[in-house]
Amino acid sequence: MARRLRFNGTGSGVNGCPAVHEDLDTGEVIIHGPALTDPDDIARLRHLGDGEVPIVVPRELLVDFGPKEVTRVPNIIGLDEFDRLFTGFKHTAWRLETRRRYASDEGTDTYAQFLRGEPVDWTGRDPEWCAERREQVALGKRFERVRVVDNPPAPGQLYLLDNARRNSSVGEDIRQLWRAEAERLQLPEEDFWIFDSRLVARLNFDDADNLANVELITEPVEVNRYAQARDAATHYAVPYEEFAARLAASE
């Protein structure tokens, strides 16, 4: 079975070498870079086994992109603290949504209305949430989302595509990205918010698609990895109106 590898980073902005990857299941770190080839240098290495290839990497690569802890201990925050992030940030809140369904959506009357094929009237829904979004946008702050969509889209994804009308009306920038494109870009299969390119709130879900907890990530290397995913997703994602029009035209 192929490893589940996560790209941590590279010390080169030109050819991507050398670079660090991490095995998400075993925690093993994989480094690639230029091979050490001088026979005299190789002869001085201790314990170089058969099949092993010595490589040369700058010290900064390990400092910047190597794991800082042997065992990572997640920093789980309460929902009240999570809510405060949406008013405490300075300029940009951005989310990647990757799931096929969210249990919290399916318990709403708007979801039932949508499944019945009835037009959903989003006017007046979640007035406190909408008021808070408008207040923050009026302060010059930006809310943006990229939603990953399967082909064909799951019912919950179509519901969120319709819901984008409500979010957009309060100032959010909503974009869609086909899952095949997300996989090509090697985006993380995680739901997360990133605030001010400084901290990440990763949303962890249980097997029933309920939100289990929120993990706060502030370690700079980890935050940078999410910021790179944000930049790639935003570049290739399509505004929801355009995505919806293309989807309707293909039916």
C-alpha atoms as a PDB file:
ATOM      1  CA  MET A   1       0.000   0.000   0.000  1.00  0.00           C
ATOM      2  CA  ALA A   2       1.324   3.427  -0.923  1.00  0.00           C
ATOM      3  CA  ARG A   3       2.340   5.725   1.901  1.00  0.00           C
ATOM      4  CA  ARG A   4       0.175   8.690   2.831  1.00  0.00           C
ATOM      5  CA  LEU A   5       2.778  11.395   2.454  1.00  0.00           C
ATOM      6  CA  ARG A   6       2.480  15.044   3.426  1.00  0.00           C
ATOM      7  CA  PHE A   7       4.740  17.634   1.856  1.00  0.00           C
ATOM      8  CA  ASN A   8       6.222  19.717   4.661  1.00  0.00           C
ATOM      9  CA  GLY A   9       8.340  22.110   2.636  1.00  0.00           C
ATOM     10  CA  THR A  10      11.379  22.734   0.518  1.00  0.00           C
ATOM     11  CA  GLY A  11      14.522  24.758   0.921  1.00  0.00           C
ATOM     12  CA  SER A  12      14.382  25.765  -2.735  1.00  0.00           C
ATOM     13  CA  GLY A  13      11.825  27.965  -4.413  1.00  0.00           C
ATOM     14  CA  VAL A  14      13.129  27.010  -7.868  1.00  0.00           C
ATOM     15  CA  ASN A  15      13.259  23.242  -8.371  1.00  0.00           C
ATOM     16  CA  GLY A  16      11.762  21.945  -5.123  1.00  0.00           C
ATOM     17  CA  CYS A  17      14.911  20.119  -4.067  1.00  0.00           C
ATOM     18  CA  PRO A  18      15.866  19.371  -1.357  1.00  0.00           C
ATOM     19  CA  ALA A  19      12.531  18.793   0.362  1.00  0.00           C
ATOM     20  CA  VAL A  20      10.954  17.156   3.414  1.00  0.00           C
ATOM     21  CA  HIS A  21       7.909  14.863   3.461  1.00  0.00           C
ATOM     22  CA  GLU A  22       6.295  13.115   6.405  1.00  0.00           C
ATOM     23  CA  ASP A  23       4.462   9.772   6.536  1.00  0.00           C
ATOM     24  CA  LEU A  24       1.108  10.543   8.156  1.00  0.00           C
ATOM     25  CA  ASP A  25       0.684   6.996   9.448  1.00  0.00           C
ATOM     26  CA  THR A  26       4.157   6.111  10.746  1.00  0.00           C
ATOM     27  CA  GLY A  27       5.542   9.570  11.462  1.00  0.00           C
ATOM     28  CA  GLU A  28       8.657   8.751   9.460  1.00  0.00           C
ATOM     29  CA  VAL A  29      10.387  11.662   7.752  1.00  0.00           C
ATOM     30  CA  ILE A  30      11.520  11.389   4.131  1.00  0.00           C
ATOM     31  CA  ILE A  31      14.140  13.790   2.795  1.00  0.00           C
ATOM     32  CA  HIS A  32      15.324  14.052  -0.787  1.00  0.00           C
ATOM     33  CA  GLY A  33      18.110  16.135  -2.199  1.00  0.00           C
ATOM     34  CA  PRO A  34      21.380  15.916  -4.098  1.00  0.00           C
ATOM     35  CA  ALA A  35      23.307  12.698  -3.480  1.00  0.00           C
ATOM     36  CA  LEU A  36      26.701  12.682  -1.861  1.00  0.00           C
ATOM     37  CA  THR A  37      28.861  11.148  -4.601  1.00  0.00           C
ATOM     38  CA  ASP A  38      32.519  11.832  -3.785  1.00  0.00           C
ATOM     39  CA  PRO A  39      34.084   8.403  -2.988  1.00  0.00           C
ATOM     40  CA  ASP A  40      36.391   9.904  -0.354  1.00  0.00           C
ATOM     41  CA  ASP A  41      33.456  11.522   1.438  1.00  0.00           C
ATOM     42  CA  ILE A  42      31.391   8.335   1.263  1.00  0.00           C
ATOM     43  CA  ALA A  43      34.279   6.307   2.657  1.00  0.00           C
ATOM     44  CA  ARG A  44      34.303   8.499   5.762  1.00  0.00           C
ATOM     45  CA  LEU A  45      30.634   7.863   6.553  1.00  0.00           C
ATOM     46  CA  ARG A  46      29.885   5.489   9.412  1.00  0.00           C
ATOM     47  CA  HIS A  47      27.199   2.810   9.339  1.00  0.00           C
ATOM     48  CA  LEU A  48      26.213   3.392   5.701  1.00  0.00           C
ATOM     49  CA  GLY A  49      24.306   0.224   4.872  1.00  0.00           C
ATOM     50  CA  ASP A  50      23.605  -1.551   1.613  1.00  0.00           C
ATOM     51  CA  GLY A  51      20.916   0.244  -0.355  1.00  0.00           C
ATOM     52  CA  GLU A  52      21.323   3.487   1.609  1.00  0.00           C
ATOM     53  CA  VAL A  53      21.985   6.684  -0.311  1.00  0.00           C
ATOM     54  CA  PRO A  54      23.624   9.628   1.479  1.00  0.00           C
ATOM     55  CA  ILE A  55      22.140  13.007   0.552  1.00  0.00           C
ATOM     56  CA  VAL A  56      23.180  16.554   1.312  1.00  0.00           C
ATOM     57  CA  VAL A  57      20.697  19.080   2.689  1.00  0.00           C
ATOM     58  CA  PRO A  58      21.151  22.528   4.211  1.00  0.00           C
ATOM     59  CA  ARG A  59      20.693  22.721   7.970  1.00  0.00           C
ATOM     60  CA  GLU A  60      17.881  25.259   7.466  1.00  0.00           C
ATOM     61  CA  LEU A  61      15.768  22.624   5.726  1.00  0.00           C
ATOM     62  CA  LEU A  62      15.586  20.486   8.867  1.00  0.00           C
ATOM     63  CA  VAL A  63      15.113  23.488  11.141  1.00  0.00           C
ATOM     64  CA  ASP A  64      12.329  24.969   9.021  1.00  0.00           C
ATOM     65  CA  PHE A  65      10.451  21.842   7.932  1.00  0.00           C
ATOM     66  CA  GLY A  66      11.408  18.972  10.205  1.00  0.00           C
ATOM     67  CA  PRO A  67       9.055  17.915  13.046  1.00  0.00           C
ATOM     68  CA  LYS A  68       9.784  19.722  16.303  1.00  0.00           C
ATOM     69  CA  GLU A  69       8.314  17.040  18.583  1.00  0.00           C
ATOM     70  CA  VAL A  70       8.727  13.292  18.741  1.00  0.00           C
ATOM     71  CA  THR A  71       5.045  12.922  19.591  1.00  0.00           C
ATOM     72  CA  ARG A  72       2.744  15.742  18.588  1.00  0.00           C
ATOM     73  CA  VAL A  73       0.253  16.772  21.267  1.00  0.00           C
ATOM     74  CA  PRO A  74      -2.798  18.507  19.760  1.00  0.00           C
ATOM     75  CA  ASN A  75      -3.979  21.781  21.294  1.00  0.00           C
ATOM     76  CA  ILE A  76      -7.757  21.333  21.487  1.00  0.00           C
ATOM     77  CA  ILE A  77      -9.743  24.516  22.122  1.00  0.00           C
ATOM     78  CA  GLY A  78     -13.344  25.010  23.226  1.00  0.00           C
ATOM     79  CA  LEU A  79     -16.062  26.206  20.882  1.00  0.00           C
ATOM     80  CA  ASP A  80     -16.273  29.562  22.680  1.00  0.00           C
ATOM     81  CA  GLU A  81     -12.596  30.216  22.015  1.00  0.00           C
ATOM     82  CA  PHE A  82     -13.095  29.071  18.422  1.00  0.00           C
ATOM     83  CA  ASP A  83     -15.978  31.529  17.989  1.00  0.00           C
ATOM     84  CA  ARG A  84     -13.818  34.386  19.272  1.00  0.00           C
ATOM     85  CA  LEU A  85     -11.343  33.806  16.452  1.00  0.00           C
ATOM     86  CA  PHE A  86     -13.917  35.183  13.999  1.00  0.00           C
ATOM     87  CA  THR A  87     -13.901  38.605  15.622  1.00  0.00           C
ATOM     88  CA  GLY A  88     -10.330  38.674  16.924  1.00  0.00           C
ATOM     89  CA  PHE A  89      -8.483  38.279  13.624  1.00  0.00           C
ATOM     90  CA  LYS A  90      -7.050  41.334  11.875  1.00  0.00           C
ATOM     91  CA  HIS A  91      -7.545  40.959   8.130  1.00  0.00           C
ATOM     92  CA  THR A  92      -8.320  37.527   6.592  1.00  0.00           C
ATOM     93  CA  ALA A  93     -10.190  34.377   7.611  1.00  0.00           C
ATOM     94  CA  TRP A  94     -10.027  31.588   5.011  1.00  0.00           C
ATOM     95  CA  ARG A  95     -11.512  28.096   5.044  1.00  0.00           C
ATOM     96  CA  LEU A  96     -11.048  24.885   3.078  1.00  0.00           C
ATOM     97  CA  GLU A  97     -14.096  22.570   3.159  1.00  0.00           C
ATOM     98  CA  THR A  98     -13.361  19.047   1.969  1.00  0.00           C
ATOM     99  CA  ARG A  99     -16.129  16.818   3.292  1.00  0.00           C
ATOM    100  CA  ARG A 100     -18.954  15.234   1.340  1.00  0.00           C
ATOM    101  CA  ARG A 101     -21.491  15.921   4.069  1.00  0.00           C
ATOM    102  CA  TYR A 102     -21.863  17.761   7.376  1.00  0.00           C
ATOM    103  CA  ALA A 103     -24.270  16.290   9.906  1.00  0.00           C
ATOM    104  CA  SER A 104     -25.058  19.749  11.293  1.00  0.00           C
ATOM    105  CA  ASP A 105     -26.491  20.822   7.924  1.00  0.00           C
ATOM    106  CA  GLU A 106     -28.796  17.833   7.659  1.00  0.00           C
ATOM    107  CA  GLY A 107     -30.675  18.731  10.825  1.00  0.00           C
ATOM    108  CA  THR A 108     -31.875  22.087   9.474  1.00  0.00           C
ATOM    109  CA  ASP A 109     -35.213  22.910   7.913  1.00  0.00           C
ATOM    110  CA  THR A 110     -33.410  24.528   4.979  1.00  0.00           C
ATOM    111  CA  TYR A 111     -31.739  21.199   4.199  1.00  0.00           C
ATOM    112  CA  ALA A 112     -35.080  19.391   4.256  1.00  0.00           C
ATOM    113  CA  GLN A 113     -36.529  22.109   2.032  1.00  0.00           C
ATOM    114  CA  PHE A 114     -33.631  21.741  -0.387  1.00  0.00           C
ATOM    115  CA  LEU A 115     -33.978  17.936  -0.574  1.00  0.00           C
ATOM    116  CA  ARG A 116     -37.664  18.334  -1.415  1.00  0.00           C
ATOM    117  CA  GLY A 117     -36.602  20.369  -4.438  1.00  0.00           C
ATOM    118  CA  GLU A 118     -38.122  23.571  -3.098  1.00  0.00           C
ATOM    119  CA  PRO A 119     -36.365  26.932  -3.548  1.00  0.00           C
ATOM    120  CA  VAL A 120     -34.644  27.835  -0.297  1.00  0.00           C
ATOM    121  CA  ASP A 121     -35.302  31.315   1.028  1.00  0.00           C
ATOM    122  CA  TRP A 122     -32.164  32.277   2.940  1.00  0.00           C
ATOM    123  CA  THR A 123     -33.536  35.649   3.999  1.00  0.00           C
ATOM    124  CA  GLY A 124     -33.452  36.046   7.759  1.00  0.00           C
ATOM    125  CA  ARG A 125     -31.625  32.760   8.410  1.00  0.00           C
ATOM    126  CA  ASP A 126     -29.088  32.828  11.267  1.00  0.00           C
ATOM    127  CA  PRO A 127     -29.525  36.584  11.892  1.00  0.00           C
ATOM    128  CA  GLU A 128     -26.830  36.779  14.586  1.00  0.00           C
ATOM    129  CA  TRP A 129     -24.270  35.010  12.394  1.00  0.00           C
ATOM    130  CA  CYS A 130     -25.120  37.221   9.434  1.00  0.00           C
ATOM    131  CA  ALA A 131     -24.950  40.392  11.531  1.00  0.00           C
ATOM    132  CA  GLU A 132     -21.528  39.448  12.895  1.00  0.00           C
ATOM    133  CA  ARG A 133     -20.198  38.712   9.398  1.00  0.00           C
ATOM    134  CA  ARG A 134     -21.455  42.050   8.098  1.00  0.00           C
ATOM    135  CA  GLU A 135     -19.910  43.900  11.040  1.00  0.00           C
ATOM    136  CA  GLN A 136     -16.512  42.310  10.484  1.00  0.00           C
ATOM    137  CA  VAL A 137     -16.612  42.908   6.726  1.00  0.00           C
ATOM    138  CA  ALA A 138     -17.514  46.550   7.376  1.00  0.00           C
ATOM    139  CA  LEU A 139     -14.267  46.794   9.363  1.00  0.00           C
ATOM    140  CA  GLY A 140     -12.362  45.832   6.221  1.00  0.00           C
ATOM    141  CA  LYS A 141     -11.872  42.162   7.084  1.00  0.00           C
ATOM    142  CA  ARG A 142     -12.176  39.374   4.510  1.00  0.00           C
ATOM    143  CA  PHE A 143     -13.926  36.012   4.776  1.00  0.00           C
ATOM    144  CA  GLU A 144     -13.135  33.487   2.049  1.00  0.00           C
ATOM    145  CA  ARG A 145     -13.893  29.797   1.466  1.00  0.00           C
ATOM    146  CA  VAL A 146     -12.991  27.130  -1.047  1.00  0.00           C
ATOM    147  CA  ARG A 147     -15.342  24.147  -1.101  1.00  0.00           C
ATOM    148  CA  VAL A 148     -14.182  20.855  -2.629  1.00  0.00           C
ATOM    149  CA  VAL A 149     -16.874  19.141  -4.708  1.00  0.00           C
ATOM    150  CA  ASP A 150     -17.117  15.561  -5.965  1.00  0.00           C
ATOM    151  CA  ASN A 151     -18.190  14.656  -9.492  1.00  0.00           C
ATOM    152  CA  PRO A 152     -21.086  14.086  -9.350  1.00  0.00           C
ATOM    153  CA  PRO A 153     -21.648  16.336  -6.321  1.00  0.00           C
ATOM    154  CA  ALA A 154     -23.015  14.811  -3.123  1.00  0.00           C
ATOM    155  CA  PRO A 155     -26.368  16.175  -1.873  1.00  0.00           C
ATOM    156  CA  GLY A 156     -24.666  18.022   0.965  1.00  0.00           C
ATOM    157  CA  GLN A 157     -22.294  19.684  -1.491  1.00  0.00           C
ATOM    158  CA  LEU A 158     -25.180  20.833  -3.689  1.00  0.00           C
ATOM    159  CA  TYR A 159     -26.883  22.211  -0.591  1.00  0.00           C
ATOM    160  CA  LEU A 160     -23.777  24.242   0.272  1.00  0.00           C
ATOM    161  CA  LEU A 161     -23.584  25.482  -3.310  1.00  0.00           C
ATOM    162  CA  ASP A 162     -27.097  26.870  -2.846  1.00  0.00           C
ATOM    163  CA  ASN A 163     -26.141  28.141   0.619  1.00  0.00           C
ATOM    164  CA  ALA A 164     -23.335  30.167  -0.971  1.00  0.00           C
ATOM    165  CA  ARG A 165     -25.967  32.749  -1.927  1.00  0.00           C
ATOM    166  CA  ARG A 166     -26.523  33.488   1.771  1.00  0.00           C
ATOM    167  CA  ASN A 167     -22.826  33.564   2.653  1.00  0.00           C
ATOM    168  CA  SER A 168     -22.020  35.758  -0.312  1.00  0.00           C
ATOM    169  CA  SER A 169     -24.750  38.224   0.658  1.00  0.00           C
ATOM    170  CA  VAL A 170     -22.990  38.971   3.960  1.00  0.00           C
ATOM    171  CA  GLY A 171     -19.613  39.522   2.332  1.00  0.00           C
ATOM    172  CA  GLU A 172     -17.952  36.113   2.042  1.00  0.00           C
ATOM    173  CA  ASP A 173     -16.032  35.116  -1.084  1.00  0.00           C
ATOM    174  CA  ILE A 174     -17.155  31.558  -1.917  1.00  0.00           C
ATOM    175  CA  ARG A 175     -15.367  29.399  -4.473  1.00  0.00           C
ATOM    176  CA  GLN A 176     -15.645  25.774  -5.581  1.00  0.00           C
ATOM    177  CA  LEU A 177     -12.992  23.263  -6.632  1.00  0.00           C
ATOM    178  CA  TRP A 178     -13.482  19.818  -8.129  1.00  0.00           C
ATOM    179  CA  ARG A 179     -12.029  17.071  -5.949  1.00  0.00           C
ATOM    180  CA  ALA A 180      -9.936  15.751  -8.836  1.00  0.00           C
ATOM    181  CA  GLU A 181      -8.251  19.143  -9.008  1.00  0.00           C
ATOM    182  CA  ALA A 182      -7.748  19.213  -5.247  1.00  0.00           C
ATOM    183  CA  GLU A 183      -6.086  15.797  -5.440  1.00  0.00           C
ATOM    184  CA  ARG A 184      -3.878  16.950  -8.311  1.00  0.00           C
ATOM    185  CA  LEU A 185      -2.788  19.901  -6.181  1.00  0.00           C
ATOM    186  CA  GLN A 186      -2.231  17.520  -3.234  1.00  0.00           C
ATOM    187  CA  LEU A 187      -4.374  19.655  -0.968  1.00  0.00           C
ATOM    188  CA  PRO A 188      -4.860  18.299   2.565  1.00  0.00           C
ATOM    189  CA  GLU A 189      -7.996  16.233   3.119  1.00  0.00           C
ATOM    190  CA  GLU A 190      -8.822  18.380   6.127  1.00  0.00           C
ATOM    191  CA  ASP A 191     -11.284  21.093   7.018  1.00  0.00           C
ATOM    192  CA  PHE A 192      -9.596  24.124   8.489  1.00  0.00           C
ATOM    193  CA  TRP A 193      -9.727  27.877   8.963  1.00  0.00           C
ATOM    194  CA  ILE A 194      -6.564  29.941   8.680  1.00  0.00           C
ATOM    195  CA  PHE A 195      -6.546  33.367  10.317  1.00  0.00           C
ATOM    196  CA  ASP A 196      -4.198  36.158   9.210  1.00  0.00           C
ATOM    197  CA  SER A 197      -1.725  33.562   7.859  1.00  0.00           C
ATOM    198  CA  ARG A 198      -0.743  33.212  11.530  1.00  0.00           C
ATOM    199  CA  LEU A 199      -2.817  30.462  13.095  1.00  0.00           C
ATOM    200  CA  VAL A 200      -4.928  27.541  11.949  1.00  0.00           C
ATOM    201  CA  ALA A 201      -8.076  26.059  13.447  1.00  0.00           C
ATOM    202  CA  ARG A 202      -8.393  22.490  12.178  1.00  0.00           C
ATOM    203  CA  LEU A 203     -11.897  21.030  12.392  1.00  0.00           C
ATOM    204  CA  ASN A 204     -11.891  17.346  13.336  1.00  0.00           C
ATOM    205  CA  PHE A 205     -14.980  15.257  12.598  1.00  0.00           C
ATOM    206  CA  ASP A 206     -16.156  11.875  13.863  1.00  0.00           C
ATOM    207  CA  ASP A 207     -17.278   8.949  11.718  1.00  0.00           C
ATOM    208  CA  ALA A 208     -20.836  10.306  11.664  1.00  0.00           C
ATOM    209  CA  ASP A 209     -19.650  13.655  10.206  1.00  0.00           C
ATOM    210  CA  ASN A 210     -20.263  15.569  13.418  1.00  0.00           C
ATOM    211  CA  LEU A 211     -17.724  18.162  14.528  1.00  0.00           C
ATOM    212  CA  ALA A 212     -15.708  16.397  17.241  1.00  0.00           C
ATOM    213  CA  ASN A 213     -13.299  19.152  18.246  1.00  0.00           C
ATOM    214  CA  VAL A 214     -11.228  22.093  17.036  1.00  0.00           C
ATOM    215  CA  GLU A 215      -7.435  21.961  17.110  1.00  0.00           C
ATOM    216  CA  LEU A 216      -5.472  25.205  17.276  1.00  0.00           C
ATOM    217  CA  ILE A 217      -2.183  25.168  15.332  1.00  0.00           C
ATOM    218  CA  THR A 218       0.335  27.998  15.742  1.00  0.00           C
ATOM    219  CA  GLU A 219       3.663  26.315  14.951  1.00  0.00           C
ATOM    220  CA  PRO A 220       5.050  28.393  12.034  1.00  0.00           C
ATOM    221  CA  VAL A 221       6.057  25.446   9.827  1.00  0.00           C
ATOM    222  CA  GLU A 222       2.598  23.869  10.140  1.00  0.00           C
ATOM    223  CA  VAL A 223       0.834  27.189   9.523  1.00  0.00           C
ATOM    224  CA  ASN A 224       2.986  27.738   6.437  1.00  0.00           C
ATOM    225  CA  ARG A 225       1.922  24.351   5.066  1.00  0.00           C
ATOM    226  CA  TYR A 226      -1.734  25.319   5.358  1.00  0.00           C
ATOM    227  CA  ALA A 227      -1.029  28.731   3.842  1.00  0.00           C
ATOM    228  CA  GLN A 228       0.535  27.051   0.809  1.00  0.00           C
ATOM    229  CA  ALA A 229      -2.595  24.919   0.419  1.00  0.00           C
ATOM    230  CA  ARG A 230      -4.742  28.051   0.683  1.00  0.00           C
ATOM    231  CA  ASP A 231      -2.805  29.809  -2.061  1.00  0.00           C
ATOM    232  CA  ALA A 232      -3.045  26.850  -4.448  1.00  0.00           C
ATOM    233  CA  ALA A 233      -6.751  26.247  -3.771  1.00  0.00           C
ATOM    234  CA  THR A 234      -7.653  29.912  -4.203  1.00  0.00           C
ATOM    235  CA  HIS A 235      -5.755  30.125  -7.482  1.00  0.00           C
ATOM    236  CA  TYR A 236      -7.585  27.214  -9.105  1.00  0.00           C
ATOM    237  CA  ALA A 237     -11.026  27.484  -7.492  1.00  0.00           C
ATOM    238  CA  VAL A 238     -13.974  28.982  -9.379  1.00  0.00           C
ATOM    239  CA  PRO A 239     -16.448  31.564  -8.002  1.00  0.00           C
ATOM    240  CA  TYR A 240     -19.579  29.737  -6.929  1.00  0.00           C
ATOM    241  CA  GLU A 241     -21.861  31.498  -9.453  1.00  0.00           C
ATOM    242  CA  GLU A 242     -19.654  30.408 -12.344  1.00  0.00           C
ATOM    243  CA  PHE A 243     -19.337  26.897 -10.937  1.00  0.00           C
ATOM    244  CA  ALA A 244     -23.115  26.576 -10.525  1.00  0.00           C
ATOM    245  CA  ALA A 245     -23.690  27.797 -14.095  1.00  0.00           C
ATOM    246  CA  ARG A 246     -21.200  25.275 -15.498  1.00  0.00           C
ATOM    247  CA  LEU A 247     -22.773  22.489 -13.454  1.00  0.00           C
ATOM    248  CA  ALA A 248     -26.278  23.347 -14.679  1.00  0.00           C
ATOM    249  CA  ALA A 249     -25.087  23.495 -18.288  1.00  0.00           C
ATOM    250  CA  SER A 250     -23.563  20.014 -18.041  1.00  0.00           C
ATOM    251  CA  GLU A 251     -26.780  18.368 -16.830  1.00  0.00           C
END
